[in-house]
Protein backbone atom coordinates (compact mmCIF):
# COMPACT_ATOMS: atom_id res chain seq x y z
CA MET A 1 -16.74 -64.23 -25.01
CA LYS A 2 -15.07 -66.58 -22.74
CA PRO A 3 -16.25 -68.65 -19.89
CA ARG A 4 -14.33 -69.41 -16.70
CA ILE A 5 -10.43 -70.01 -17.91
CA GLY A 6 -7.78 -72.36 -16.59
CA ASN A 7 -4.08 -72.56 -16.86
CA ARG A 8 -4.48 -74.39 -20.00
CA GLU A 9 -6.20 -71.55 -21.59
CA SER A 10 -4.44 -68.54 -20.19
CA GLY A 11 -1.22 -67.69 -18.40
CA ILE A 12 -3.09 -65.35 -16.10
CA GLY A 13 -5.72 -68.04 -15.06
CA ASP A 14 -3.70 -70.65 -13.36
CA SER A 15 -5.10 -72.18 -10.08
CA ASP A 16 -3.35 -70.06 -7.91
CA SER A 17 -4.33 -66.54 -9.36
CA VAL A 18 -7.07 -64.08 -8.45
CA LEU A 19 -8.93 -64.38 -11.28
CA ASP A 20 -9.29 -68.18 -10.94
CA LEU A 21 -10.19 -67.86 -7.46
CA THR A 22 -12.74 -65.06 -8.23
CA GLN A 23 -14.41 -67.02 -11.01
CA ARG A 24 -14.87 -70.23 -8.67
CA LEU A 25 -16.52 -68.03 -6.19
CA ILE A 26 -18.93 -66.41 -8.82
CA GLU A 27 -20.00 -69.83 -9.67
CA ARG A 28 -21.53 -70.53 -6.39
CA ARG A 29 -25.08 -69.08 -6.25
CA SER A 30 -24.32 -67.57 -2.73
CA LEU A 31 -27.73 -65.54 -2.63
CA THR A 32 -27.90 -63.97 0.90
CA PRO A 33 -27.75 -65.71 3.24
CA ASP A 34 -26.68 -68.69 1.47
CA ASP A 35 -22.99 -69.38 1.42
CA ALA A 36 -23.16 -71.95 -1.25
CA GLY A 37 -19.90 -73.42 -0.39
CA CYS A 38 -17.84 -70.20 -0.67
CA CYS A 39 -16.33 -70.27 2.81
CA GLU A 40 -15.51 -73.90 2.52
CA LEU A 41 -13.60 -73.04 -0.64
CA ILE A 42 -11.79 -70.47 1.12
CA ALA A 43 -10.94 -72.41 4.09
CA GLN A 44 -9.55 -75.12 1.67
CA ARG A 45 -7.09 -72.47 0.30
CA LEU A 46 -6.09 -71.23 3.84
CA GLN A 47 -6.01 -74.57 5.99
CA PRO A 48 -2.62 -75.73 4.07
CA LEU A 49 -1.24 -72.45 4.97
CA GLY A 50 -1.51 -73.27 8.65
CA PHE A 51 -4.88 -71.42 9.56
CA THR A 52 -7.00 -72.76 12.04
CA ILE A 53 -10.40 -73.03 10.68
CA GLU A 54 -13.78 -72.53 12.83
CA TYR A 55 -17.10 -71.81 11.91
CA LEU A 56 -19.24 -69.38 13.95
CA ASN A 57 -22.45 -70.04 12.21
CA ALA A 58 -25.99 -68.75 13.69
CA GLY A 59 -29.43 -68.59 12.18
CA GLY A 60 -28.52 -70.46 9.01
CA VAL A 61 -25.53 -68.04 8.40
CA THR A 62 -22.01 -69.18 7.55
CA ASN A 63 -19.24 -67.27 9.64
CA LEU A 64 -15.71 -68.37 9.05
CA TRP A 65 -13.40 -67.37 11.59
CA ALA A 66 -9.56 -68.63 10.31
CA THR A 67 -6.24 -67.40 12.20
CA LEU A 68 -2.91 -67.86 11.62
CA GLY A 69 0.01 -66.65 13.97
CA SER A 70 0.14 -65.54 17.36
CA GLY A 71 0.37 -62.38 19.63
CA GLY A 72 -0.26 -59.10 18.35
CA PRO A 73 -0.91 -57.03 16.36
CA LEU A 74 -4.05 -58.91 15.32
CA MET A 75 -5.10 -58.10 11.70
CA ILE A 76 -8.70 -59.05 10.46
CA LEU A 77 -9.34 -59.25 6.74
CA ALA A 78 -12.96 -59.02 6.49
CA GLY A 79 -15.78 -59.83 3.82
CA HIS A 80 -19.04 -61.34 2.65
CA THR A 81 -19.81 -64.27 0.24
CA ASP A 82 -23.49 -63.67 -0.02
CA VAL A 83 -24.75 -61.47 -3.14
CA VAL A 84 -28.05 -59.64 -3.92
CA PRO A 85 -30.44 -61.30 -6.37
CA PRO A 86 -29.40 -60.94 -10.00
CA GLY A 87 -32.58 -59.20 -11.09
CA PRO A 88 -34.17 -60.11 -14.58
CA ARG A 89 -32.02 -62.68 -16.31
CA GLU A 90 -32.85 -61.36 -19.66
CA GLN A 91 -31.27 -58.08 -19.03
CA TRP A 92 -27.83 -59.89 -18.49
CA ALA A 93 -25.62 -60.28 -21.45
CA THR A 94 -24.67 -63.69 -20.08
CA ASP A 95 -25.66 -65.73 -16.95
CA PRO A 96 -24.63 -64.15 -13.83
CA PHE A 97 -23.40 -67.10 -12.06
CA VAL A 98 -21.20 -68.27 -15.33
CA PRO A 99 -18.25 -66.14 -14.91
CA THR A 100 -17.61 -64.67 -18.37
CA ILE A 101 -14.72 -62.40 -19.79
CA ARG A 102 -15.16 -59.87 -22.40
CA ASP A 103 -12.62 -57.48 -23.73
CA GLY A 104 -10.73 -57.93 -20.37
CA VAL A 105 -13.60 -57.40 -18.05
CA LEU A 106 -14.95 -60.19 -15.77
CA TYR A 107 -18.81 -60.37 -15.38
CA GLY A 108 -20.76 -61.92 -12.68
CA ARG A 109 -22.82 -61.29 -9.61
CA GLY A 110 -20.47 -60.71 -6.96
CA ALA A 111 -17.55 -59.79 -9.34
CA ALA A 112 -17.07 -56.48 -7.45
CA ASP A 113 -19.13 -56.85 -4.37
CA MET A 114 -17.38 -58.80 -3.18
CA LYS A 115 -15.89 -62.08 -4.19
CA SER A 116 -12.96 -60.43 -6.19
CA GLY A 117 -11.82 -58.67 -3.01
CA LEU A 118 -12.19 -62.28 -1.11
CA ALA A 119 -9.92 -63.66 -3.75
CA ALA A 120 -7.38 -60.98 -3.77
CA MET A 121 -7.18 -61.30 0.02
CA VAL A 122 -6.52 -65.13 -0.12
CA CYS A 123 -3.78 -65.09 -2.95
CA ALA A 124 -2.17 -62.22 -1.04
CA THR A 125 -2.10 -64.19 2.00
CA GLU A 126 -0.64 -67.23 0.15
CA ARG A 127 2.26 -65.19 -1.05
CA LEU A 128 3.18 -63.39 2.01
CA VAL A 129 2.96 -66.70 3.94
CA ALA A 130 5.20 -68.58 1.31
CA ARG A 131 7.82 -65.70 1.83
CA ARG A 132 8.14 -65.26 5.61
CA PRO A 133 6.33 -65.78 8.86
CA LEU A 134 3.97 -63.50 9.99
CA LYS A 135 4.76 -61.02 12.81
CA GLY A 136 1.52 -61.17 15.01
CA THR A 137 -1.87 -62.93 14.13
CA LEU A 138 -3.69 -62.82 10.86
CA ALA A 139 -7.50 -63.51 10.89
CA TYR A 140 -10.16 -63.94 8.21
CA LEU A 141 -13.83 -63.17 9.21
CA ILE A 142 -16.10 -64.05 6.13
CA THR A 143 -19.70 -64.09 6.46
CA SER A 144 -22.99 -65.06 4.19
CA ASP A 145 -25.09 -62.24 6.00
CA GLU A 146 -24.08 -58.66 4.86
CA GLU A 147 -26.44 -58.21 1.93
CA GLY A 148 -29.41 -59.05 4.13
CA ALA A 149 -30.70 -58.63 7.69
CA ALA A 150 -27.09 -58.78 9.03
CA ARG A 151 -28.21 -60.12 12.38
CA HIS A 152 -26.32 -63.39 12.24
CA GLY A 153 -23.30 -62.54 10.20
CA THR A 154 -20.70 -60.33 11.52
CA ARG A 155 -22.45 -58.73 14.32
CA HIS A 156 -22.87 -62.31 15.83
CA ALA A 157 -19.31 -63.35 15.37
CA VAL A 158 -17.92 -60.10 16.86
CA GLU A 159 -19.89 -60.62 20.17
CA VAL A 160 -18.72 -64.21 20.02
CA LEU A 161 -15.00 -63.43 19.90
CA ARG A 162 -15.42 -60.46 22.06
CA GLN A 163 -16.52 -62.43 24.66
CA ARG A 164 -13.56 -64.70 24.32
CA GLY A 165 -11.33 -61.36 24.99
CA ILE A 166 -10.25 -60.87 21.53
CA ARG A 167 -9.78 -57.59 20.39
CA PRO A 168 -8.17 -56.54 16.89
CA ASP A 169 -5.87 -54.03 16.06
CA TYR A 170 -6.35 -53.54 12.36
CA ALA A 171 -9.24 -54.77 10.17
CA ILE A 172 -9.79 -54.40 6.12
CA VAL A 173 -13.00 -55.07 4.83
CA GLY A 174 -12.82 -55.73 0.94
CA GLU A 175 -15.88 -53.83 -0.20
CA ALA A 176 -15.76 -52.05 -3.63
CA THR A 177 -14.88 -48.64 -2.71
CA ALA A 178 -12.90 -47.15 -5.68
CA ALA A 179 -14.68 -44.67 -7.43
CA HIS A 180 -13.06 -44.54 -10.95
CA ARG A 181 -9.84 -46.38 -10.86
CA LEU A 182 -8.47 -48.93 -8.42
CA GLY A 183 -7.00 -46.98 -5.71
CA ASP A 184 -8.37 -43.82 -6.11
CA ARG A 185 -10.18 -43.91 -2.66
CA ILE A 186 -10.32 -45.91 0.54
CA THR A 187 -13.34 -45.96 2.95
CA ILE A 188 -12.28 -44.64 6.44
CA GLY A 189 -15.68 -44.00 7.85
CA ARG A 190 -19.34 -44.60 7.41
CA ARG A 191 -22.32 -42.90 8.56
CA GLY A 192 -24.92 -44.41 11.16
CA SER A 193 -28.44 -45.58 9.68
CA LEU A 194 -31.47 -45.19 11.90
CA GLY A 195 -34.96 -46.04 10.61
CA CYS A 196 -38.37 -46.34 11.95
CA ASN A 197 -41.66 -47.67 11.22
CA LEU A 198 -44.13 -44.92 12.35
CA ARG A 199 -47.97 -45.74 12.53
CA VAL A 200 -50.12 -42.54 13.13
CA LEU A 201 -53.35 -43.41 14.92
CA GLY A 202 -57.03 -41.80 13.68
CA ARG A 203 -60.35 -42.85 13.52
CA GLN A 204 -62.12 -44.34 10.20
CA GLY A 205 -65.13 -42.22 8.98
CA HIS A 206 -66.98 -40.93 6.15
CA VAL A 207 -65.25 -37.94 4.27
CA ALA A 208 -68.84 -36.26 4.42
CA TYR A 209 -68.65 -36.21 8.24
CA PRO A 210 -65.31 -35.23 9.16
CA ASP A 211 -66.55 -34.14 12.65
CA LYS A 212 -67.21 -38.08 13.24
CA ALA A 213 -63.56 -39.09 11.91
CA ASP A 214 -60.11 -38.24 12.99
CA ASN A 215 -57.93 -37.92 9.78
CA PRO A 216 -54.33 -39.19 10.46
CA ILE A 217 -53.10 -37.78 7.04
CA HIS A 218 -54.18 -34.37 8.28
CA ARG A 219 -52.38 -34.80 11.67
CA LEU A 220 -49.22 -36.26 10.36
CA ALA A 221 -48.81 -33.43 7.61
CA PRO A 222 -47.64 -30.56 9.73
CA ALA A 223 -45.44 -32.74 11.86
CA LEU A 224 -43.77 -34.47 8.32
CA ALA A 225 -43.16 -30.71 7.37
CA GLU A 226 -41.33 -30.08 10.48
CA LEU A 227 -39.23 -33.30 10.32
CA CYS A 228 -38.28 -32.81 6.42
CA ALA A 229 -37.26 -28.89 7.30
CA THR A 230 -35.50 -29.68 10.68
CA HIS A 231 -31.67 -29.10 10.82
CA TRP A 232 -30.23 -32.03 12.48
CA ASP A 233 -26.63 -31.11 12.77
CA ALA A 234 -23.92 -29.19 10.52
CA GLY A 235 -21.82 -32.36 9.74
CA ASN A 236 -17.90 -31.81 10.34
CA ALA A 237 -14.62 -32.01 8.24
CA HIS A 238 -15.23 -35.75 7.56
CA PHE A 239 -18.81 -36.23 7.18
CA PRO A 240 -21.89 -34.25 5.69
CA PRO A 241 -24.81 -33.30 7.68
CA THR A 242 -26.96 -35.79 8.93
CA SER A 243 -30.05 -36.61 6.54
CA PHE A 244 -33.52 -37.61 7.20
CA GLN A 245 -35.66 -39.12 4.09
CA VAL A 246 -38.80 -40.48 3.84
CA SER A 247 -38.77 -43.95 1.77
CA ASN A 248 -42.39 -44.97 2.11
CA LEU A 249 -45.71 -43.18 3.10
CA HIS A 250 -49.25 -45.27 2.82
CA SER A 251 -52.58 -44.74 4.18
CA GLY A 252 -56.13 -45.28 3.01
CA THR A 253 -58.44 -48.15 2.29
CA GLY A 254 -58.58 -47.75 -1.60
CA ALA A 255 -62.13 -46.34 -1.38
CA ASN A 256 -62.26 -42.50 -2.41
CA ASN A 257 -64.77 -41.85 0.35
CA VAL A 258 -63.28 -43.08 3.27
CA ILE A 259 -61.28 -41.22 6.29
CA PRO A 260 -58.59 -43.55 6.79
CA GLY A 261 -58.12 -44.93 10.44
CA HIS A 262 -54.22 -44.88 10.19
CA ALA A 263 -51.41 -43.58 8.10
CA ASP A 264 -48.04 -45.42 7.88
CA LEU A 265 -44.47 -43.78 7.17
CA VAL A 266 -40.99 -45.23 7.08
CA PHE A 267 -38.13 -42.87 7.33
CA ASN A 268 -34.48 -43.04 7.73
CA PHE A 269 -31.63 -41.16 9.13
CA ARG A 270 -27.88 -41.42 7.64
CA PHE A 271 -26.24 -39.65 10.78
CA CYS A 272 -22.79 -38.34 11.49
CA THR A 273 -20.55 -38.48 14.33
CA GLU A 274 -22.19 -35.13 15.41
CA SER A 275 -25.19 -36.93 16.23
CA THR A 276 -26.30 -40.06 18.15
CA ALA A 277 -29.09 -42.42 17.61
CA GLU A 278 -30.86 -41.94 21.07
CA GLY A 279 -30.78 -38.15 20.37
CA LEU A 280 -32.40 -38.20 17.03
CA LYS A 281 -35.04 -40.71 18.54
CA ALA A 282 -35.67 -37.88 21.34
CA ARG A 283 -35.96 -35.08 18.99
CA VAL A 284 -38.37 -36.85 16.76
CA THR A 285 -40.49 -37.93 19.63
CA GLU A 286 -40.52 -34.31 20.56
CA ILE A 287 -41.74 -33.17 17.37
CA LEU A 288 -44.65 -35.99 17.07
CA ASP A 289 -45.85 -35.10 20.64
CA ARG A 290 -45.65 -31.53 20.17
CA HIS A 291 -47.98 -31.83 17.31
CA GLY A 292 -50.35 -34.07 19.27
CA LEU A 293 -50.04 -37.47 17.56
CA ARG A 294 -51.53 -40.65 18.49
CA TYR A 295 -48.53 -43.17 17.26
CA GLU A 296 -46.84 -45.96 17.32
CA ALA A 297 -43.12 -46.26 16.44
CA ASP A 298 -40.92 -48.93 15.61
CA TRP A 299 -37.31 -47.99 15.49
CA TRP A 300 -34.17 -49.95 14.25
CA LEU A 301 -30.60 -49.33 14.25
CA SER A 302 -28.61 -50.56 11.36
CA GLY A 303 -25.13 -49.43 12.69
CA GLU A 304 -23.55 -46.39 14.51
CA PRO A 305 -21.18 -44.07 12.82
CA PHE A 306 -17.60 -44.65 12.84
CA LEU A 307 -14.60 -43.08 11.98
CA THR A 308 -11.06 -44.09 11.49
CA GLY A 309 -8.38 -41.28 12.31
CA ASN A 310 -4.82 -41.16 11.20
CA GLY A 311 -2.80 -44.04 12.16
CA ALA A 312 -0.77 -47.09 11.07
CA LEU A 313 -3.36 -48.70 8.90
CA ILE A 314 -4.38 -45.86 6.91
CA GLU A 315 -0.53 -44.87 6.49
CA ALA A 316 0.03 -48.68 5.32
CA ALA A 317 -2.88 -48.21 2.96
CA GLN A 318 -1.85 -45.11 1.26
CA ALA A 319 1.63 -46.28 0.87
CA SER A 320 0.65 -49.41 -0.74
CA ILE A 321 -1.95 -48.00 -2.88
CA GLN A 322 0.58 -45.30 -4.29
CA GLU A 323 3.42 -48.05 -4.90
CA VAL A 324 1.09 -50.35 -6.95
CA THR A 325 -1.15 -47.74 -8.57
CA GLY A 326 0.68 -44.80 -8.56
CA LEU A 327 -2.58 -42.92 -7.01
CA THR A 328 -3.06 -41.05 -3.80
CA PRO A 329 -6.17 -42.31 -2.34
CA SER A 330 -8.53 -39.96 -0.94
CA LEU A 331 -10.25 -40.80 2.19
CA PHE A 332 -14.02 -41.15 1.86
CA THR A 333 -16.72 -41.76 4.48
CA GLY A 334 -19.78 -41.68 2.36
CA GLY A 335 -21.89 -44.43 0.69
CA GLY A 336 -24.13 -46.68 2.76
CA THR A 337 -23.37 -49.20 5.39
CA SER A 338 -20.94 -52.40 5.35
CA ASP A 339 -19.77 -54.89 8.20
CA ALA A 340 -17.14 -52.27 8.97
CA ARG A 341 -19.86 -50.82 11.39
CA PHE A 342 -19.39 -53.91 13.41
CA LEU A 343 -15.57 -54.30 13.33
CA ALA A 344 -14.72 -50.52 14.25
CA PRO A 345 -16.63 -50.53 17.60
CA TRP A 346 -14.85 -53.46 18.57
CA GLY A 347 -11.80 -51.42 18.67
CA ALA A 348 -10.10 -52.08 15.31
CA GLN A 349 -8.33 -49.46 12.96
CA THR A 350 -10.78 -50.15 10.16
CA VAL A 351 -10.52 -49.38 6.52
CA GLU A 352 -12.44 -50.77 3.28
CA ILE A 353 -10.43 -51.04 0.05
CA GLY A 354 -11.67 -53.06 -2.91
CA PRO A 355 -12.41 -52.66 -6.57
CA VAL A 356 -14.37 -50.05 -8.65
CA ASN A 357 -17.94 -49.87 -7.15
CA ASP A 358 -19.96 -48.69 -10.11
CA SER A 359 -21.62 -51.83 -11.15
CA ILE A 360 -22.42 -53.31 -7.92
CA HIS A 361 -25.74 -54.62 -7.31
CA LYS A 362 -26.44 -53.81 -10.79
CA VAL A 363 -27.11 -56.06 -13.86
CA ASN A 364 -23.95 -57.11 -15.66
CA GLU A 365 -21.92 -56.52 -12.38
CA HIS A 366 -18.23 -56.73 -13.50
CA VAL A 367 -14.37 -55.86 -12.40
CA ASN A 368 -11.49 -55.34 -14.73
CA VAL A 369 -9.27 -58.27 -14.90
CA ALA A 370 -6.28 -56.38 -14.75
CA ASP A 371 -7.37 -54.90 -11.45
CA LEU A 372 -7.12 -58.20 -9.68
CA PRO A 373 -3.71 -58.68 -9.31
CA ARG A 374 -3.07 -55.36 -8.50
CA LEU A 375 -5.53 -55.31 -5.63
CA SER A 376 -3.93 -58.54 -4.44
CA ALA A 377 -0.60 -56.69 -4.62
CA ILE A 378 -2.07 -53.70 -2.34
CA TYR A 379 -3.44 -56.13 0.20
CA GLU A 380 -0.11 -58.22 0.39
CA ARG A 381 1.92 -54.83 0.92
CA ILE A 382 -0.43 -53.68 3.66
CA LEU A 383 0.03 -56.76 5.34
CA ASP A 384 3.83 -56.80 4.80
CA ARG A 385 3.91 -53.41 6.51
CA LEU A 386 1.92 -54.26 9.47
CA LEU A 387 2.71 -57.93 10.21
C-alpha cells in the first residue's frame, strides 16, 4: 500500500505526470458542489501555457473557463471536479481522500469520475503546446456542479458564453466511459431525462365508510397500470425505446384504518430522440385526465437527448484510440446523464472519452495507473488531429 508518490519515489510520479495531478486532485475533498480548490490547481497548470483564466461562478458553484489561441475551430475540454459522497468510511480499504496505490491501481473518490480524466487532459495540453502552436482555440470548461443539481454549473456557463456569441465546434467530456478496457467504447449520445412528482388528490376518511371518502390509491392504480404498459416509442438504430420507471410511491397516514387524502408518485422517463419532453408530458396528461384523476404534477427536465453523428470528432477519436490501445471503440449512447447534454445543443460535436467506469460512485473507486498516460495520449492525439 502506497500513498501519493512523487518523483523521489517513482519514475512515473513526477510533477508533470497524469498520476501526480490525479492524486493531487483526489486529495481535495470536493464533495458536490464544493470545488475545494481543484479548479485553482488546474488553472495554475494552464496559465503558464498562455491560457486566459476566467471564472463564471454562480450560486456557490465554481466554473472555470480557460482559453488559448484564436479563431476556429474551437475545441472544448470539459469536465467536473465535484464528487459524490464516499459512503461509509469503514467500507473503504483506505481513506477515500488519501490517494493510494495498490497493485498498480489508484484508489480514491474521484479516481475514475472524473479527476483522472481532467488530469489526463491537462497533461495532454502541456505536451501539445510544448511541441507546436495551436491551429484554432482550445478551451477548458470545468465545473463543480455536475454530480448535484447541475443548475449553476455547465448549464449556467454555457448560457453566459452563448450570450457572448461563442459557439464551439468540438467538445470532449472526460467522463468514465470505457466498459472493460480503456478505449473499448466512446459515448456519442445520451438519452433525455424527464421526471415528475405527481400528487393524486382524494378525500381522507375511515376505511369502514368508503362512501364518505375518496381513495387516491384506488384512483391511481388503473392509471399507473396503463402508464407502465404504454409503448412510448420503438427507439432507433442508436437508442433503445423510451422507458418509464416509478422510483417512489407513498401514501397513507401510518394508521391501518384511514383512507389517505393523497398519494404521491415519483416517476422518470429516459427518452430517446424519437420522443420529446413535451410530447411525453402530453401523453401522460391525457392518461391521467381520461382516468378522472384530480392531481398536481411537478415536472422537471434534466436534459434533452442528443446524438453526435459521424464527423471529424468521432473519426479523430476512433483513430487516436486505435493508435494508443489497438482497439476499435464501439459507439455508445447508454448510461445516465452528463454535462454533454448542455454542450451538444450548443452546437458542438460532442463525445465522452475516459477511463473504465465499473467503480464510479462505488466504495473503493479506482483507476488503473497504467491507463492514465494512455488516456492522456488519446486526448493529445485527438487535439493534434483537430487543432
